[in-house]
PDB file of N, CA and C in Angstrom:
ATOM      1  N   MET A   1      97.675 175.049 267.567  1.00  0.00           N
ATOM      2  CA  MET A   1      99.025 175.152 267.065  1.00  0.00           C
ATOM      3  C   MET A   1      98.946 173.971 265.919  1.00  0.00           C
ATOM      4  N   ALA A   2      98.116 172.786 266.057  1.00  0.00           N
ATOM      5  CA  ALA A   2      98.200 171.661 265.100  1.00  0.00           C
ATOM      6  C   ALA A   2      97.645 172.468 263.762  1.00  0.00           C
ATOM      7  N   ASP A   3      96.774 173.171 263.636  1.00  0.00           N
ATOM      8  CA  ASP A   3      96.134 173.958 262.644  1.00  0.00           C
ATOM      9  C   ASP A   3      97.138 174.467 261.674  1.00  0.00           C
ATOM     10  N   LYS A   4      97.929 175.293 262.224  1.00  0.00           N
ATOM     11  CA  LYS A   4      99.220 176.028 261.546  1.00  0.00           C
ATOM     12  C   LYS A   4      99.790 174.983 260.891  1.00  0.00           C
ATOM     13  N   GLN A   5     100.191 173.916 261.561  1.00  0.00           N
ATOM     14  CA  GLN A   5     101.030 172.647 260.883  1.00  0.00           C
ATOM     15  C   GLN A   5     100.363 172.401 259.812  1.00  0.00           C
ATOM     16  N   ASP A   6      98.996 172.068 259.729  1.00  0.00           N
ATOM     17  CA  ASP A   6      98.142 171.515 258.783  1.00  0.00           C
ATOM     18  C   ASP A   6      98.210 172.435 257.512  1.00  0.00           C
ATOM     19  N   LEU A   7      98.235 173.655 257.793  1.00  0.00           N
ATOM     20  CA  LEU A   7      97.998 174.551 256.640  1.00  0.00           C
ATOM     21  C   LEU A   7      99.287 174.614 255.840  1.00  0.00           C
ATOM     22  N   GLU A   8     100.540 174.517 256.670  1.00  0.00           N
ATOM     23  CA  GLU A   8     101.806 174.536 255.983  1.00  0.00           C
ATOM     24  C   GLU A   8     101.926 173.344 255.192  1.00  0.00           C
ATOM     25  N   GLU A   9     101.427 172.338 255.489  1.00  0.00           N
ATOM     26  CA  GLU A   9     101.340 171.149 254.543  1.00  0.00           C
ATOM     27  C   GLU A   9     100.618 171.313 253.222  1.00  0.00           C
ATOM     28  N   ILE A  10      99.698 171.911 253.561  1.00  0.00           N
ATOM     29  CA  ILE A  10      98.602 172.067 252.366  1.00  0.00           C
ATOM     30  C   ILE A  10      99.134 173.049 251.463  1.00  0.00           C
ATOM     31  N   THR A  11      99.562 174.212 251.866  1.00  0.00           N
ATOM     32  CA  THR A  11     100.252 174.998 250.810  1.00  0.00           C
ATOM     33  C   THR A  11     101.349 174.654 250.362  1.00  0.00           C
ATOM     34  N   SER A  12     102.408 173.517 250.898  1.00  0.00           N
ATOM     35  CA  SER A  12     103.597 173.372 250.313  1.00  0.00           C
ATOM     36  C   SER A  12     103.106 171.758 249.466  1.00  0.00           C
ATOM     37  N   PHE A  13     102.101 171.590 249.443  1.00  0.00           N
ATOM     38  CA  PHE A  13     101.362 170.272 248.802  1.00  0.00           C
ATOM     39  C   PHE A  13     101.999 170.487 246.961  1.00  0.00           C
ATOM     40  N   ASN A  14     102.463 169.476 246.400  1.00  0.00           N
ATOM     41  CA  ASN A  14     102.750 169.221 244.984  1.00  0.00           C
ATOM     42  C   ASN A  14     101.750 168.765 244.142  1.00  0.00           C
ATOM     43  N   LYS A  15     100.823 169.310 243.456  1.00  0.00           N
ATOM     44  CA  LYS A  15      99.711 168.856 242.670  1.00  0.00           C
ATOM     45  C   LYS A  15     100.505 168.128 241.610  1.00  0.00           C
ATOM     46  N   ALA A  16     101.518 168.151 241.055  1.00  0.00           N
ATOM     47  CA  ALA A  16     102.158 167.688 239.793  1.00  0.00           C
ATOM     48  C   ALA A  16     102.440 166.215 240.222  1.00  0.00           C
ATOM     49  N   LYS A  17     102.492 165.675 241.571  1.00  0.00           N
ATOM     50  CA  LYS A  17     102.819 164.226 241.800  1.00  0.00           C
ATOM     51  C   LYS A  17     101.494 163.554 241.680  1.00  0.00           C
ATOM     52  N   LEU A  18     100.367 164.107 241.637  1.00  0.00           N
ATOM     53  CA  LEU A  18      98.999 163.447 241.438  1.00  0.00           C
ATOM     54  C   LEU A  18      98.866 162.747 240.347  1.00  0.00           C
ATOM     55  N   LYS A  19      98.309 161.628 240.144  1.00  0.00           N
ATOM     56  CA  LYS A  19      98.237 160.602 238.952  1.00  0.00           C
ATOM     57  C   LYS A  19      97.056 161.436 238.187  1.00  0.00           C
ATOM     58  N   LYS A  20      96.789 161.425 237.046  1.00  0.00           N
ATOM     59  CA  LYS A  20      95.753 161.650 236.331  1.00  0.00           C
ATOM     60  C   LYS A  20      94.639 160.577 236.243  1.00  0.00           C
ATOM     61  N   THR A  21      93.332 160.787 236.405  1.00  0.00           N
ATOM     62  CA  THR A  21      92.270 159.662 236.469  1.00  0.00           C
ATOM     63  C   THR A  21      91.063 160.463 235.760  1.00  0.00           C
ATOM     64  N   GLU A  22      90.116 159.466 235.475  1.00  0.00           N
ATOM     65  CA  GLU A  22      89.033 159.802 234.844  1.00  0.00           C
ATOM     66  C   GLU A  22      87.904 159.485 235.338  1.00  0.00           C
ATOM     67  N   ALA A  23      87.014 160.384 235.890  1.00  0.00           N
ATOM     68  CA  ALA A  23      85.951 159.698 236.517  1.00  0.00           C
ATOM     69  C   ALA A  23      84.801 159.250 235.830  1.00  0.00           C
ATOM     70  N   GLN A  24      84.288 158.071 236.461  1.00  0.00           N
ATOM     71  CA  GLN A  24      83.093 157.411 235.814  1.00  0.00           C
ATOM     72  C   GLN A  24      81.702 157.180 236.607  1.00  0.00           C
ATOM     73  N   GLU A  25      80.882 157.605 235.912  1.00  0.00           N
ATOM     74  CA  GLU A  25      79.589 157.373 236.587  1.00  0.00           C
ATOM     75  C   GLU A  25      79.135 156.214 236.730  1.00  0.00           C
ATOM     76  N   LYS A  26      79.047 155.724 238.049  1.00  0.00           N
ATOM     77  CA  LYS A  26      78.576 154.403 238.179  1.00  0.00           C
ATOM     78  C   LYS A  26      77.135 154.178 238.577  1.00  0.00           C
ATOM     79  N   ASN A  27      76.500 155.140 239.220  1.00  0.00           N
ATOM     80  CA  ASN A  27      75.060 154.882 239.580  1.00  0.00           C
ATOM     81  C   ASN A  27      74.397 156.176 239.151  1.00  0.00           C
ATOM     82  N   THR A  28      73.725 155.606 237.627  1.00  0.00           N
ATOM     83  CA  THR A  28      73.245 156.520 236.986  1.00  0.00           C
ATOM     84  C   THR A  28      71.580 156.559 237.363  1.00  0.00           C
ATOM     85  N   LEU A  29      70.760 157.855 237.448  1.00  0.00           N
ATOM     86  CA  LEU A  29      69.469 158.044 237.821  1.00  0.00           C
ATOM     87  C   LEU A  29      68.664 157.517 236.454  1.00  0.00           C
ATOM     88  N   LEU A  30      67.434 156.788 236.936  1.00  0.00           N
ATOM     89  CA  LEU A  30      66.547 156.330 235.914  1.00  0.00           C
ATOM     90  C   LEU A  30      65.705 157.499 235.333  1.00  0.00           C
ATOM     91  N   THR A  31      65.838 157.523 233.915  1.00  0.00           N
ATOM     92  CA  THR A  31      64.824 158.564 233.126  1.00  0.00           C
ATOM     93  C   THR A  31      63.505 158.266 233.467  1.00  0.00           C
ATOM     94  N   LYS A  32      62.721 159.285 233.128  1.00  0.00           N
ATOM     95  CA  LYS A  32      60.948 158.897 232.892  1.00  0.00           C
ATOM     96  C   LYS A  32      60.997 158.021 231.994  1.00  0.00           C
ATOM     97  N   GLU A  33      61.802 158.019 230.751  1.00  0.00           N
ATOM     98  CA  GLU A  33      61.361 156.970 229.567  1.00  0.00           C
ATOM     99  C   GLU A  33      61.892 155.682 230.040  1.00  0.00           C
ATOM    100  N   THR A  34      62.785 155.726 230.975  1.00  0.00           N
ATOM    101  CA  THR A  34      63.580 154.051 231.446  1.00  0.00           C
ATOM    102  C   THR A  34      62.445 153.370 232.298  1.00  0.00           C
ATOM    103  N   ILE A  35      61.639 154.435 233.029  1.00  0.00           N
ATOM    104  CA  ILE A  35      60.709 153.836 234.354  1.00  0.00           C
ATOM    105  C   ILE A  35      59.422 153.452 233.427  1.00  0.00           C
ATOM    106  N   LYS A  36      59.288 154.364 232.334  1.00  0.00           N
ATOM    107  CA  LYS A  36      57.892 153.833 231.425  1.00  0.00           C
ATOM    108  C   LYS A  36      58.349 152.379 230.915  1.00  0.00           C
ATOM    109  N   GLN A  37      59.371 152.343 230.495  1.00  0.00           N
ATOM    110  CA  GLN A  37      59.485 151.059 229.766  1.00  0.00           C
ATOM    111  C   GLN A  37      59.700 149.991 230.705  1.00  0.00           C
ATOM    112  N   GLU A  38      60.317 149.978 231.775  1.00  0.00           N
ATOM    113  CA  GLU A  38      60.205 149.101 232.715  1.00  0.00           C
ATOM    114  C   GLU A  38      58.703 148.818 233.182  1.00  0.00           C
ATOM    115  N   LYS A  39      57.970 149.321 233.284  1.00  0.00           N
ATOM    116  CA  LYS A  39      56.625 149.426 233.905  1.00  0.00           C
ATOM    117  C   LYS A  39      55.592 148.641 232.751  1.00  0.00           C
ATOM    118  N   GLN A  40      55.884 148.861 231.367  1.00  0.00           N
ATOM    119  CA  GLN A  40      55.269 148.230 230.325  1.00  0.00           C
ATOM    120  C   GLN A  40      55.668 146.916 229.975  1.00  0.00           C
ATOM    121  N   ALA A  41      57.179 146.532 230.573  1.00  0.00           N
ATOM    122  CA  ALA A  41      57.508 145.052 230.403  1.00  0.00           C
ATOM    123  C   ALA A  41      56.667 144.474 231.259  1.00  0.00           C
ATOM    124  N   GLU A  42      56.471 144.638 232.504  1.00  0.00           N
ATOM    125  CA  GLU A  42      56.193 143.999 233.423  1.00  0.00           C
ATOM    126  C   GLU A  42      54.559 143.291 233.009  1.00  0.00           C
TER     127      GLU A  42
END
């Protein structure tokens, strides 16, 4: 019965109330070139 109540809340959710945000990538993966440069610097 609790599942039915949750579904009702989801279907009545108003997306217009959400704030607009921009995703920013924080942890970038190193490229082969970056690794090569770091190894040469050592």
